[in-house]
């Protein structure tokens, strides 16, 4: 068994590597611009940061967003090989469109360089400067030719006319159908992020420039306390009710619990949370519980006073976490207990005159706890992920809201760190579940082929 766990431990490393690759790729294909999202928070709404190329370029450079995404990229031979350096999505879209239309990005690059040189020589607010800007932002050959035709004969000369005339040449468009692999070396976003992670540095958030580790440390205890309290309460209620409901199958306890928990499981969390706020915390009916935050007891308060303040603030959020999981746990415990009660060893125990308590808890519960162990093993990442719906309704700054804000803002360091933490806990939960299986039933052994068998 020890050899098996060592092997599983070494399998964690490539698994985590694959997970980070997959998540990193998904982030690249998602929409939005992290530079724009982050900088917009630093300025008033009346200020259009999207027009300030200097600030955006500086931000992208400081956060390594102007580097290639990965060690290599697969592109068309006609594509721009430095597309990642463009600060705006519109510029990247234009470069791709024109490169595909002409079949040769180098031709577009030479045309843009020539236009920029002439813009530096031209006076602002002239007809020629406006036409040159239209060429510089045009996304099709037709638009370029239309703006070029309005220039005077003098302005068309000096090589510009040759570049424009060459746009419609078809001899380079075969490059659109030739794939190529471009290697970028270790100077890429993924490598730099992974190197920092291995050094224990999760980076700084794109939103407020605070270290990711500090933001997680502030939000994690809040979510962890709520999740653990809800889980422990659910286990204390669901385990005995599920066991006795299975023993007294079709009895009044089984019918009441099954119907009640089935109803709980069907209720949407946001609806229940809203009703709890309205009826028990908003003052419209009963103002029994505070509904905002987790409480802020004074420093001189003793332990009992702090407990009263925190418990009053967390009672409703814990219930929202609790009722759905309670129904889920009850269902699995009842079903596994029913299966165990049909086994021959239970019949033998009854024939020997053992008490119901001994049969259910000393014999049946150990074997019927296998589904429970599986659930608890997979619940580890859920303990720290939180629920952004509950945290938003009750104004709790936990992990759920932190993750939601990071996704909307495309905060790469925060997203990747949270998902990596969830992946580590998931793998650890699987490893822990395997360990608990052997403790729950000594007959379960794990051989070198990673298959369970009962000795």
Protein backbone atom coordinates (compact mmCIF):
# COMPACT_ATOMS: atom_id res chain seq x y z
CA UNK A 1 0.00 0.00 0.00
CA UNK A 2 2.86 2.37 0.80
CA UNK A 3 4.28 1.84 -2.67
CA UNK A 4 0.88 2.63 -4.18
CA UNK A 5 0.57 5.93 -2.34
CA UNK A 6 4.11 6.93 -3.35
CA UNK A 7 3.23 6.22 -6.98
CA UNK A 8 0.05 8.27 -6.70
CA UNK A 9 2.03 11.10 -5.16
CA UNK A 10 4.43 11.16 -8.10
CA UNK A 11 1.51 11.11 -10.53
CA UNK A 12 0.28 14.37 -9.01
CA UNK A 13 3.09 16.36 -10.66
CA UNK A 14 2.26 15.61 -14.33
CA UNK A 15 -1.45 15.84 -13.53
CA UNK A 16 -1.04 19.33 -12.11
CA UNK A 17 1.07 20.31 -15.10
CA UNK A 18 -1.66 19.18 -17.51
CA UNK A 19 -4.32 21.01 -15.49
CA UNK A 20 -2.36 24.26 -15.57
CA UNK A 21 -1.87 23.90 -19.33
CA UNK A 22 -5.57 23.32 -19.89
CA UNK A 23 -6.67 26.24 -17.71
CA UNK A 24 -4.08 28.56 -19.23
CA UNK A 25 -5.29 27.67 -22.72
CA UNK A 26 -8.93 28.32 -21.78
CA UNK A 27 -8.03 31.75 -20.44
CA UNK A 28 -6.32 32.66 -23.69
CA UNK A 29 -9.36 31.72 -25.76
CA UNK A 30 -11.80 33.62 -23.53
CA UNK A 31 -12.78 37.15 -24.42
CA UNK A 32 -11.79 40.45 -22.83
CA UNK A 33 -8.53 42.26 -22.20
CA UNK A 34 -7.00 42.09 -18.70
CA UNK A 35 -5.07 45.32 -19.28
CA UNK A 36 -8.21 47.30 -20.13
CA UNK A 37 -10.20 45.74 -17.28
CA UNK A 38 -7.52 46.53 -14.72
CA UNK A 39 -6.77 50.08 -15.88
CA UNK A 40 -10.44 51.05 -16.08
CA UNK A 41 -10.66 50.53 -12.31
CA UNK A 42 -7.91 53.10 -11.77
CA UNK A 43 -9.65 55.95 -13.58
CA UNK A 44 -12.98 57.66 -13.47
CA UNK A 45 -15.74 56.38 -15.73
CA UNK A 46 -15.57 59.55 -17.83
CA UNK A 47 -11.98 58.78 -18.82
CA UNK A 48 -11.69 56.39 -21.78
CA UNK A 49 -8.57 54.40 -21.02
CA UNK A 50 -8.97 52.41 -24.25
CA UNK A 51 -7.59 55.41 -26.16
CA UNK A 52 -4.47 55.70 -24.01
CA UNK A 53 -2.10 53.36 -25.82
CA UNK A 54 0.90 54.43 -23.76
CA UNK A 55 -0.60 53.35 -20.44
CA UNK A 56 -1.89 50.09 -21.89
CA UNK A 57 1.49 49.22 -23.40
CA UNK A 58 3.23 50.01 -20.13
CA UNK A 59 0.77 47.86 -18.18
CA UNK A 60 1.11 44.93 -20.58
CA UNK A 61 4.90 45.13 -20.40
CA UNK A 62 4.96 45.26 -16.60
CA UNK A 63 2.72 42.16 -16.39
CA UNK A 64 4.43 40.20 -19.19
CA UNK A 65 1.29 40.38 -21.34
CA UNK A 66 3.40 41.47 -24.32
CA UNK A 67 5.18 38.10 -24.38
CA UNK A 68 4.16 34.91 -26.22
CA UNK A 69 1.63 32.78 -24.39
CA UNK A 70 3.47 29.47 -24.56
CA UNK A 71 6.74 27.86 -25.62
CA UNK A 72 5.51 27.51 -29.20
CA UNK A 73 2.51 28.39 -31.35
CA UNK A 74 0.94 26.79 -34.44
CA UNK A 75 -0.05 29.42 -37.02
CA UNK A 76 -0.49 29.98 -40.72
CA UNK A 77 2.73 30.79 -42.51
CA UNK A 78 1.17 34.10 -43.57
CA UNK A 79 0.28 35.16 -40.01
CA UNK A 80 2.02 37.84 -37.98
CA UNK A 81 4.76 36.27 -35.88
CA UNK A 82 4.61 39.02 -33.23
CA UNK A 83 0.84 39.28 -32.86
CA UNK A 84 1.13 39.16 -29.06
CA UNK A 85 2.86 42.56 -29.03
CA UNK A 86 -0.20 44.47 -30.23
CA UNK A 87 -1.83 46.12 -27.21
CA UNK A 88 -5.37 46.29 -28.63
CA UNK A 89 -7.63 43.51 -29.81
CA UNK A 90 -8.65 45.62 -32.83
CA UNK A 91 -5.02 45.82 -33.93
CA UNK A 92 -4.60 42.07 -33.61
CA UNK A 93 -7.80 41.49 -35.57
CA UNK A 94 -6.64 43.87 -38.33
CA UNK A 95 -3.23 42.20 -38.56
CA UNK A 96 -4.79 38.75 -38.90
CA UNK A 97 -7.36 39.91 -41.49
CA UNK A 98 -4.82 41.69 -43.71
CA UNK A 99 -2.25 38.91 -43.38
CA UNK A 100 -4.86 36.42 -44.59
CA UNK A 101 -6.05 38.72 -47.40
CA UNK A 102 -2.55 39.30 -48.80
CA UNK A 103 -0.87 36.05 -47.75
CA UNK A 104 2.18 37.97 -46.56
CA UNK A 105 2.36 39.75 -43.22
CA UNK A 106 5.75 41.26 -44.00
CA UNK A 107 4.12 43.29 -46.79
CA UNK A 108 1.57 44.72 -44.34
CA UNK A 109 4.36 45.47 -41.86
CA UNK A 110 6.32 47.41 -44.51
CA UNK A 111 3.16 49.32 -45.50
CA UNK A 112 2.44 50.25 -41.87
CA UNK A 113 6.02 51.40 -41.33
CA UNK A 114 5.81 53.63 -44.39
CA UNK A 115 2.48 55.10 -43.26
CA UNK A 116 3.89 55.85 -39.78
CA UNK A 117 6.92 57.60 -41.29
CA UNK A 118 4.67 59.83 -43.38
CA UNK A 119 2.42 60.57 -40.41
CA UNK A 120 5.46 61.79 -38.48
CA UNK A 121 6.22 64.20 -41.35
CA UNK A 122 2.64 65.33 -41.91
CA UNK A 123 0.96 68.07 -39.93
CA UNK A 124 -1.99 67.01 -37.81
CA UNK A 125 -5.61 67.64 -38.89
CA UNK A 126 -4.79 67.69 -42.59
CA UNK A 127 -6.67 65.68 -45.19
CA UNK A 128 -3.57 63.64 -45.98
CA UNK A 129 -3.02 62.74 -42.31
CA UNK A 130 -6.64 61.59 -41.93
CA UNK A 131 -6.38 59.43 -45.04
CA UNK A 132 -3.12 57.91 -43.84
CA UNK A 133 -4.75 57.09 -40.49
CA UNK A 134 -7.60 55.41 -42.34
CA UNK A 135 -5.09 53.24 -44.18
CA UNK A 136 -3.35 52.44 -40.88
CA UNK A 137 -6.62 51.24 -39.31
CA UNK A 138 -8.22 49.65 -42.40
CA UNK A 139 -9.14 45.98 -42.04
CA UNK A 140 -9.44 45.11 -45.73
CA UNK A 141 -7.56 45.73 -48.97
CA UNK A 142 -10.62 47.51 -50.39
CA UNK A 143 -10.58 50.09 -47.58
CA UNK A 144 -6.84 50.66 -48.03
CA UNK A 145 -7.22 51.21 -51.77
CA UNK A 146 -10.20 53.54 -51.29
CA UNK A 147 -8.27 55.78 -48.88
CA UNK A 148 -5.11 55.57 -51.01
CA UNK A 149 -7.02 56.72 -54.12
CA UNK A 150 -7.94 59.99 -52.38
CA UNK A 151 -4.32 60.92 -51.78
CA UNK A 152 -2.63 63.34 -54.17
CA UNK A 153 -0.15 62.05 -56.77
CA UNK A 154 2.75 63.48 -54.82
CA UNK A 155 1.70 61.70 -51.63
CA UNK A 156 1.32 58.38 -53.47
CA UNK A 157 4.90 58.32 -54.71
CA UNK A 158 8.12 57.36 -52.90
CA UNK A 159 7.29 53.66 -52.75
CA UNK A 160 3.82 53.85 -51.20
CA UNK A 161 2.08 53.17 -54.51
CA UNK A 162 4.18 50.06 -55.10
CA UNK A 163 3.27 48.65 -51.69
CA UNK A 164 -0.45 49.26 -52.21
CA UNK A 165 -0.38 47.77 -55.72
CA UNK A 166 1.33 44.66 -54.38
CA UNK A 167 -1.54 43.98 -51.95
CA UNK A 168 -3.62 42.29 -54.63
CA UNK A 169 -0.87 39.98 -55.83
CA UNK A 170 -1.99 36.38 -55.37
CA UNK A 171 1.38 34.64 -55.45
CA UNK A 172 1.79 34.75 -51.63
CA UNK A 173 -1.69 33.57 -50.63
CA UNK A 174 -0.62 29.94 -50.71
CA UNK A 175 0.96 30.70 -47.30
CA UNK A 176 -2.55 30.80 -45.81
CA UNK A 177 -2.74 27.02 -46.23
CA UNK A 178 0.71 26.16 -44.91
CA UNK A 179 0.88 25.60 -41.13
CA UNK A 180 4.03 26.44 -39.27
CA UNK A 181 5.31 25.99 -35.72
CA UNK A 182 6.98 29.04 -34.23
CA UNK A 183 9.13 28.49 -31.16
CA UNK A 184 9.32 31.30 -28.58
CA UNK A 185 11.73 29.85 -26.04
CA UNK A 186 11.32 30.22 -22.29
CA UNK A 187 10.50 33.91 -22.47
CA UNK A 188 6.73 33.36 -22.45
CA UNK A 189 3.84 34.02 -20.09
CA UNK A 190 3.27 30.42 -19.04
CA UNK A 191 6.92 29.70 -18.23
CA UNK A 192 7.33 32.87 -16.18
CA UNK A 193 4.14 32.18 -14.23
CA UNK A 194 5.07 28.54 -13.57
CA UNK A 195 8.57 29.54 -12.47
CA UNK A 196 7.17 32.03 -9.98
CA UNK A 197 4.73 29.42 -8.64
CA UNK A 198 7.55 26.93 -8.06
CA UNK A 199 9.41 29.66 -6.17
CA UNK A 200 6.37 30.22 -3.94
CA UNK A 201 5.37 33.51 -5.56
CA UNK A 202 1.80 33.56 -6.87
CA UNK A 203 2.25 36.99 -8.38
CA UNK A 204 0.24 40.18 -7.98
CA UNK A 205 -3.39 40.64 -8.84
CA UNK A 206 -4.07 42.60 -12.01
CA UNK A 207 -6.95 44.38 -10.27
CA UNK A 208 -5.31 46.14 -7.34
CA UNK A 209 -1.64 45.00 -7.59
CA UNK A 210 -1.86 43.26 -4.20
CA UNK A 211 -0.09 39.89 -3.83
CA UNK A 212 -2.39 37.01 -4.70
CA UNK A 213 -1.33 35.09 -1.60
CA UNK A 214 -2.44 37.93 0.68
CA UNK A 215 -5.86 38.19 -0.96
CA UNK A 216 -6.36 34.43 -0.68
CA UNK A 217 -5.29 34.46 2.99
CA UNK A 218 -7.89 37.14 3.71
CA UNK A 219 -10.77 35.39 1.94
CA UNK A 220 -9.95 31.73 2.64
CA UNK A 221 -10.60 31.62 6.42
CA UNK A 222 -14.07 33.14 5.98
CA UNK A 223 -15.17 30.64 3.37
CA UNK A 224 -13.47 27.76 5.17
CA UNK A 225 -15.25 28.48 8.47
CA UNK A 226 -18.67 28.67 6.79
CA UNK A 227 -18.07 25.54 4.70
CA UNK A 228 -16.68 23.46 7.58
CA UNK A 229 -19.50 24.44 9.92
CA UNK A 230 -22.08 23.57 7.28
CA UNK A 231 -20.37 20.26 6.51
CA UNK A 232 -20.04 19.20 10.15
CA UNK A 233 -23.67 20.06 10.90
CA UNK A 234 -24.80 18.22 7.78
CA UNK A 235 -22.82 15.12 8.75
CA UNK A 236 -24.14 15.17 12.32
CA UNK A 237 -27.72 15.31 11.02
CA UNK A 238 -27.56 13.26 7.82
CA UNK A 239 -25.60 10.26 9.14
CA UNK A 240 -27.91 9.21 12.01
CA UNK A 241 -31.08 10.10 10.09
CA UNK A 242 -29.90 8.23 7.01
CA UNK A 243 -28.95 5.13 9.00
CA UNK A 244 -32.16 4.94 11.01
CA UNK A 245 -34.31 5.84 7.99
CA UNK A 246 -32.75 2.86 6.19
CA UNK A 247 -33.28 0.54 9.15
CA UNK A 248 -36.92 1.60 9.52
CA UNK A 249 -37.50 1.60 5.76
CA UNK A 250 -40.91 2.94 4.72
CA UNK A 251 -41.59 3.96 8.31
CA UNK A 252 -42.70 7.41 9.40
CA UNK A 253 -39.10 8.60 9.93
CA UNK A 254 -38.05 7.43 6.47
CA UNK A 255 -41.05 9.02 4.75
CA UNK A 256 -40.76 12.37 6.53
CA UNK A 257 -36.99 12.69 6.04
CA UNK A 258 -37.10 11.57 2.41
CA UNK A 259 -39.83 14.04 1.48
CA UNK A 260 -38.34 16.89 3.49
CA UNK A 261 -34.80 16.48 2.18
CA UNK A 262 -36.02 15.94 -1.38
CA UNK A 263 -37.82 19.28 -1.11
CA UNK A 264 -34.67 20.92 0.29
CA UNK A 265 -32.60 19.55 -2.57
CA UNK A 266 -34.97 21.07 -5.14
CA UNK A 267 -34.87 24.59 -3.71
CA UNK A 268 -32.51 27.00 -5.53
CA UNK A 269 -29.94 28.58 -3.26
CA UNK A 270 -30.41 32.18 -4.44
CA UNK A 271 -34.16 31.96 -3.78
CA UNK A 272 -33.74 30.53 -0.28
CA UNK A 273 -31.06 33.08 0.58
CA UNK A 274 -33.25 35.94 -0.60
CA UNK A 275 -36.21 34.69 1.43
CA UNK A 276 -34.06 34.37 4.55
CA UNK A 277 -32.85 37.95 4.15
CA UNK A 278 -36.37 39.28 3.63
CA UNK A 279 -38.09 37.35 6.42
CA UNK A 280 -35.36 37.10 9.07
CA UNK A 281 -32.90 39.91 8.53
CA UNK A 282 -34.14 42.84 6.50
CA UNK A 283 -36.56 44.20 9.10
CA UNK A 284 -39.67 43.76 6.95
CA UNK A 285 -40.84 40.84 9.07
CA UNK A 286 -38.43 39.51 11.71
CA UNK A 287 -35.11 41.19 12.33
CA UNK A 288 -33.48 38.24 14.05
CA UNK A 289 -30.17 38.04 12.20
CA UNK A 290 -27.77 40.59 10.71
CA UNK A 291 -27.44 39.92 7.00
CA UNK A 292 -24.35 41.87 5.96
CA UNK A 293 -20.79 40.67 6.46
CA UNK A 294 -19.48 38.30 9.10
CA UNK A 295 -19.47 40.71 12.03
CA UNK A 296 -16.86 42.98 13.52
CA UNK A 297 -16.61 42.45 17.28
CA UNK A 298 -14.66 45.02 19.32
CA UNK A 299 -11.12 44.14 20.32
CA UNK A 300 -11.96 44.15 24.02
CA UNK A 301 -14.77 41.58 23.54
CA UNK A 302 -14.24 38.21 25.20
CA UNK A 303 -14.47 34.87 23.43
CA UNK A 304 -18.16 34.34 24.21
CA UNK A 305 -19.15 37.78 22.92
CA UNK A 306 -17.17 37.24 19.72
CA UNK A 307 -18.84 33.87 19.25
CA UNK A 308 -22.30 35.45 19.62
CA UNK A 309 -21.52 38.16 17.05
CA UNK A 310 -19.98 35.79 14.52
CA UNK A 311 -22.66 33.11 14.94
CA UNK A 312 -25.45 35.68 14.48
CA UNK A 313 -23.93 36.89 11.21
CA UNK A 314 -23.08 33.43 9.90
CA UNK A 315 -26.26 31.56 10.84
CA UNK A 316 -28.16 32.30 7.62
CA UNK A 317 -25.19 31.78 5.25
CA UNK A 318 -24.39 28.46 6.95
CA UNK A 319 -27.99 27.33 6.53
CA UNK A 320 -27.84 28.16 2.81
CA UNK A 321 -24.68 26.08 2.52
CA UNK A 322 -26.21 23.36 4.68
CA UNK A 323 -29.62 22.38 3.36
CA UNK A 324 -28.57 21.22 -0.11
CA UNK A 325 -25.64 19.17 1.14
CA UNK A 326 -27.78 17.74 3.92
CA UNK A 327 -30.21 16.26 1.40
CA UNK A 328 -27.38 14.90 -0.75
CA UNK A 329 -25.61 13.21 2.15
CA UNK A 330 -28.83 11.74 3.55
CA UNK A 331 -29.69 10.16 0.21
CA UNK A 332 -26.32 8.45 -0.19
CA UNK A 333 -26.07 7.26 3.43
CA UNK A 334 -29.59 5.83 3.35
CA UNK A 335 -28.97 3.98 0.10
CA UNK A 336 -25.62 2.50 1.17
CA UNK A 337 -27.04 1.46 4.54
CA UNK A 338 -29.96 -0.30 2.85
CA UNK A 339 -27.51 -2.32 0.77
CA UNK A 340 -25.45 -3.28 3.83
CA UNK A 341 -28.49 -4.34 5.84
CA UNK A 342 -29.19 -7.00 3.20
CA UNK A 343 -25.79 -8.64 3.73
CA UNK A 344 -25.44 -12.02 5.46
CA UNK A 345 -23.24 -10.73 8.26
CA UNK A 346 -26.03 -8.37 9.36
CA UNK A 347 -28.46 -11.30 9.46
CA UNK A 348 -25.96 -13.25 11.54
CA UNK A 349 -25.53 -10.32 13.93
CA UNK A 350 -29.29 -10.09 14.39
CA UNK A 351 -29.50 -13.82 15.00
CA UNK A 352 -26.87 -13.52 17.72
CA UNK A 353 -29.10 -11.02 19.52
CA UNK A 354 -26.94 -7.93 19.09
CA UNK A 355 -28.63 -4.62 19.80
CA UNK A 356 -29.79 -2.34 17.01
CA UNK A 357 -27.22 0.24 18.04
CA UNK A 358 -24.37 -2.28 17.76
CA UNK A 359 -25.59 -3.61 14.41
CA UNK A 360 -26.02 -0.20 12.83
CA UNK A 361 -22.98 1.61 14.19
CA UNK A 362 -20.41 -1.08 14.95
CA UNK A 363 -20.97 -3.27 11.87
CA UNK A 364 -23.09 -1.60 9.20
CA UNK A 365 -21.79 1.95 9.36
CA UNK A 366 -18.15 1.09 8.59
CA UNK A 367 -19.09 -0.69 5.36
CA UNK A 368 -21.76 1.81 4.33
CA UNK A 369 -19.37 4.73 4.81
CA UNK A 370 -17.62 4.10 1.47
CA UNK A 371 -19.87 6.50 -0.49
CA UNK A 372 -19.48 9.00 2.33
CA UNK A 373 -15.68 8.78 2.07
CA UNK A 374 -15.89 9.35 -1.68
CA UNK A 375 -18.09 12.41 -1.17
CA UNK A 376 -15.82 13.87 1.51
CA UNK A 377 -12.75 13.29 -0.65
CA UNK A 378 -14.30 15.23 -3.54
CA UNK A 379 -15.63 17.92 -1.17
CA UNK A 380 -12.19 19.29 -0.28
CA UNK A 381 -12.03 21.79 -3.18
CA UNK A 382 -15.66 22.76 -2.50
CA UNK A 383 -14.70 23.73 1.04
CA UNK A 384 -12.46 26.53 -0.22
CA UNK A 385 -14.33 27.50 -3.40
CA UNK A 386 -17.36 28.97 -1.65
CA UNK A 387 -20.57 30.09 -3.32
CA UNK A 388 -20.49 33.49 -4.97
CA UNK A 389 -24.31 33.64 -4.87
CA UNK A 390 -24.48 33.29 -1.09
CA UNK A 391 -21.49 35.55 -0.54
CA UNK A 392 -22.95 38.21 -2.81
CA UNK A 393 -26.38 38.17 -1.12
CA UNK A 394 -24.92 38.30 2.40
CA UNK A 395 -22.03 40.66 1.47
CA UNK A 396 -19.32 38.21 2.52
CA UNK A 397 -15.85 38.73 1.08
CA UNK A 398 -15.03 35.08 0.60
CA UNK A 399 -13.43 32.87 -2.02
CA UNK A 400 -16.54 32.72 -4.20
CA UNK A 401 -16.65 36.47 -4.80
CA UNK A 402 -12.87 36.54 -5.17
CA UNK A 403 -13.02 33.95 -7.95
CA UNK A 404 -15.96 35.65 -9.66
CA UNK A 405 -14.23 39.04 -9.66
CA UNK A 406 -11.05 37.45 -11.01
CA UNK A 407 -12.90 35.78 -13.90
CA UNK A 408 -14.75 38.93 -14.93
CA UNK A 409 -11.54 40.97 -14.79
CA UNK A 410 -9.41 38.27 -16.47
CA UNK A 411 -7.07 38.42 -13.51
CA UNK A 412 -4.71 35.66 -14.72
CA UNK A 413 -2.54 35.33 -11.58
CA UNK A 414 -5.57 35.07 -9.31
CA UNK A 415 -7.52 32.66 -11.55
CA UNK A 416 -4.59 30.34 -12.09
CA UNK A 417 -3.65 30.36 -8.41
CA UNK A 418 -7.20 29.53 -7.29
CA UNK A 419 -7.61 26.78 -9.88
CA UNK A 420 -4.22 25.35 -8.98
CA UNK A 421 -5.22 25.32 -5.32
CA UNK A 422 -8.46 23.55 -6.23
CA UNK A 423 -6.57 20.99 -8.31
CA UNK A 424 -4.14 20.26 -5.47
CA UNK A 425 -7.02 19.76 -3.03
CA UNK A 426 -8.86 17.52 -5.51
CA UNK A 427 -5.84 15.27 -5.93
CA UNK A 428 -5.20 15.28 -2.20
CA UNK A 429 -8.86 14.38 -1.60
CA UNK A 430 -8.55 11.37 -3.92
CA UNK A 431 -5.40 10.26 -2.11
CA UNK A 432 -7.06 10.74 1.27
CA UNK A 433 -10.15 8.80 0.18
CA UNK A 434 -7.99 5.83 -0.81
CA UNK A 435 -6.36 5.94 2.61
CA UNK A 436 -9.70 6.10 4.43
CA UNK A 437 -11.05 3.14 2.46
CA UNK A 438 -8.44 0.88 3.99
CA UNK A 439 -9.22 2.16 7.50
CA UNK A 440 -12.97 1.77 7.03
CA UNK A 441 -12.61 -1.82 5.82
CA UNK A 442 -9.34 -3.67 6.58
CA UNK A 443 -10.23 -6.21 3.87
CA UNK A 444 -9.65 -3.54 1.22
CA UNK A 445 -6.15 -3.69 -0.14
CA UNK A 446 -4.49 -1.78 -2.93
CA UNK A 447 -2.07 -3.68 -5.09
CA UNK A 448 0.64 -2.35 -7.39
CA UNK A 449 -1.73 -2.27 -10.36
CA UNK A 450 -3.82 0.35 -8.53
CA UNK A 451 -6.90 -1.91 -8.33
CA UNK A 452 -8.92 -2.53 -5.21
CA UNK A 453 -9.52 -6.05 -4.04
CA UNK A 454 -10.76 -7.62 -0.85
CA UNK A 455 -8.49 -10.09 0.78
